[in-house]
Amino acid sequence: MSTFKEQYAKHYRDTKVSRGYNYHFIAIEPAAADKPTLLFLHGFPSHSNDWHYQVTHYHAKGVLFVCLCFGTSAE
């Protein structure tokens, strides 16, 4: 059985904003345009793996899921 990070590896993204901060996040595209967007935020000492039940649940429903990841994001 694969780990959460292995299962969703293709959905991890990094972006650097104009102020120079880097953000590491998970972005899963919705299955249909009429699906809502959910934004889950977590902070220290949490990490994206803590959201694996929510990601799995909403991903199966085709909802866009965005989770900012603490570990490699700017503090």
Protein backbone atom coordinates (compact mmCIF):
# COMPACT_ATOMS: atom_id res chain seq x y z
CA MET A 1 0.00 0.00 0.00
CA SER A 2 1.40 3.40 -0.95
CA THR A 3 1.79 6.28 1.48
CA PHE A 4 -0.25 9.47 1.24
CA LYS A 5 2.72 11.40 -0.12
CA GLU A 6 3.40 8.74 -2.78
CA GLN A 7 -0.27 8.56 -3.77
CA TYR A 8 -0.63 12.34 -4.22
CA ALA A 9 2.94 13.17 -5.33
CA LYS A 10 1.82 14.43 -8.75
CA HIS A 11 -0.46 17.00 -7.05
CA TYR A 12 2.25 18.72 -4.98
CA ARG A 13 3.22 22.17 -6.24
CA ASP A 14 5.63 24.94 -5.31
CA THR A 15 5.28 28.62 -6.07
CA LYS A 16 7.29 31.68 -5.12
CA VAL A 17 5.31 34.88 -4.52
CA SER A 18 6.50 38.40 -5.32
CA ARG A 19 7.71 38.93 -1.72
CA GLY A 20 10.12 36.02 -2.19
CA TYR A 21 8.28 33.47 -0.03
CA ASN A 22 7.98 29.91 -1.27
CA TYR A 23 4.74 27.98 -0.79
CA HIS A 24 4.51 24.21 -1.08
CA PHE A 25 0.96 22.91 -1.49
CA ILE A 26 -1.30 20.18 -2.83
CA ALA A 27 -3.70 21.17 -5.61
CA ILE A 28 -6.11 18.59 -6.99
CA GLU A 29 -8.18 19.68 -9.96
CA PRO A 30 -11.97 19.30 -9.72
CA ALA A 31 -13.70 16.60 -11.74
CA ALA A 32 -16.19 19.17 -13.07
CA ALA A 33 -16.30 22.97 -13.32
CA ASP A 34 -19.35 23.20 -11.04
CA LYS A 35 -17.53 21.63 -8.07
CA PRO A 36 -16.51 23.91 -5.17
CA THR A 37 -12.96 24.70 -4.08
CA LEU A 38 -11.89 23.77 -0.56
CA LEU A 39 -8.87 25.34 1.13
CA PHE A 40 -7.38 23.56 4.13
CA LEU A 41 -4.65 25.31 6.12
CA HIS A 42 -2.49 23.86 8.81
CA GLY A 43 0.34 25.17 10.90
CA PHE A 44 3.26 24.08 12.99
CA PRO A 45 3.81 21.31 13.92
CA SER A 46 1.27 19.87 11.50
CA HIS A 47 1.92 18.77 7.91
CA SER A 48 -0.09 17.78 4.84
CA ASN A 49 -0.21 14.11 5.82
CA ASP A 50 -2.52 15.10 8.69
CA TRP A 51 -5.16 15.88 6.07
CA HIS A 52 -5.00 12.52 4.27
CA TYR A 53 -8.55 11.48 5.24
CA GLN A 54 -10.03 14.78 4.02
CA VAL A 55 -7.98 14.76 0.81
CA THR A 56 -9.03 11.19 0.02
CA HIS A 57 -12.70 11.90 0.79
CA TYR A 58 -13.03 15.11 -1.24
CA HIS A 59 -10.79 13.95 -4.08
CA ALA A 60 -13.17 11.03 -4.61
CA LYS A 61 -16.02 13.57 -4.92
CA GLY A 62 -14.10 15.54 -7.57
CA VAL A 63 -13.66 18.68 -5.46
CA LEU A 64 -10.64 20.97 -5.92
CA PHE A 65 -8.50 20.61 -2.84
CA VAL A 66 -5.71 23.01 -1.88
CA CYS A 67 -3.57 22.41 1.18
CA LEU A 68 -0.66 24.68 2.07
CA CYS A 69 2.12 22.52 3.47
CA PHE A 70 4.10 23.80 6.42
CA GLY A 71 7.28 21.77 6.06
CA THR A 72 8.74 23.37 2.93
CA SER A 73 6.68 26.57 2.81
CA ALA A 74 8.04 29.91 3.97
CA GLU A 75 7.42 30.60 7.63
